[in-house]
């Protein structure tokens, strides 16, 4: 059986909007994705999954 390539989760720094590929931990069958502990560009520790970033950014823009 061929292995299907899985795309890693991506996270966006909420401060400077740099995109990171998630770190992977665990076994091949049971693995988990994790955001970095801090942004290498600005040092901010807050990240959101890329799928949630655009709706969150749009909501934040409406409140400004």
Protein backbone atom coordinates (compact mmCIF):
# COMPACT_ATOMS: atom_id res chain seq x y z
CA UNK A 1 0.00 0.00 0.00
CA UNK A 2 1.40 3.39 -0.94
CA UNK A 3 1.71 6.06 1.70
CA UNK A 4 -0.38 9.16 1.06
CA UNK A 5 1.54 12.36 1.59
CA UNK A 6 -0.03 14.45 4.32
CA UNK A 7 0.26 18.22 4.28
CA UNK A 8 1.38 19.56 7.67
CA UNK A 9 -0.79 22.05 9.48
CA UNK A 10 0.24 25.66 9.11
CA UNK A 11 0.15 28.36 11.77
CA UNK A 12 0.18 32.16 11.45
CA UNK A 13 1.87 34.47 13.97
CA UNK A 14 -0.81 36.88 15.17
CA UNK A 15 1.70 39.70 15.53
CA UNK A 16 3.68 39.70 12.26
CA UNK A 17 1.68 37.25 10.07
CA UNK A 18 4.63 34.94 9.29
CA UNK A 19 3.46 31.42 8.35
CA UNK A 20 5.06 28.34 9.94
CA UNK A 21 4.74 24.64 9.22
CA UNK A 22 3.76 22.78 12.36
CA UNK A 23 6.11 20.57 14.33
CA UNK A 24 5.12 16.91 14.32
CA UNK A 25 5.29 14.59 17.33
CA UNK A 26 4.22 11.01 17.81
CA UNK A 27 4.13 7.80 15.80
CA UNK A 28 3.39 7.44 12.11
CA UNK A 29 -0.16 6.23 12.79
CA UNK A 30 -0.81 8.61 15.71
CA UNK A 31 0.85 11.96 15.28
CA UNK A 32 0.03 15.51 16.34
CA UNK A 33 0.88 18.89 14.91
CA UNK A 34 2.01 21.76 17.15
CA UNK A 35 2.71 25.45 16.52
CA UNK A 36 6.15 26.81 17.37
CA UNK A 37 6.68 28.02 20.94
CA UNK A 38 7.50 31.51 19.69
CA UNK A 39 7.86 33.40 16.42
CA UNK A 40 11.45 33.45 15.15
CA UNK A 41 10.82 36.88 13.59
CA UNK A 42 9.11 38.88 16.34
CA UNK A 43 9.17 36.56 19.38
CA UNK A 44 5.39 36.56 19.87
CA UNK A 45 4.03 33.26 21.26
CA UNK A 46 0.49 33.57 19.83
CA UNK A 47 -0.40 31.54 16.75
CA UNK A 48 -3.60 30.48 15.04
CA UNK A 49 -4.15 27.73 12.47
CA UNK A 50 -4.09 29.14 8.97
CA UNK A 51 -7.70 28.04 8.32
CA UNK A 52 -8.82 30.26 11.20
CA UNK A 53 -6.55 33.21 10.43
CA UNK A 54 -8.52 34.96 7.68
CA UNK A 55 -11.89 34.95 9.51
CA UNK A 56 -10.12 36.09 12.68
CA UNK A 57 -8.26 38.88 10.84
CA UNK A 58 -11.47 40.03 9.17
CA UNK A 59 -13.31 40.15 12.50
CA UNK A 60 -10.44 42.07 14.08
CA UNK A 61 -10.47 44.57 11.20
CA UNK A 62 -14.20 45.21 11.65
CA UNK A 63 -13.73 46.17 15.28
CA UNK A 64 -11.03 48.77 14.54
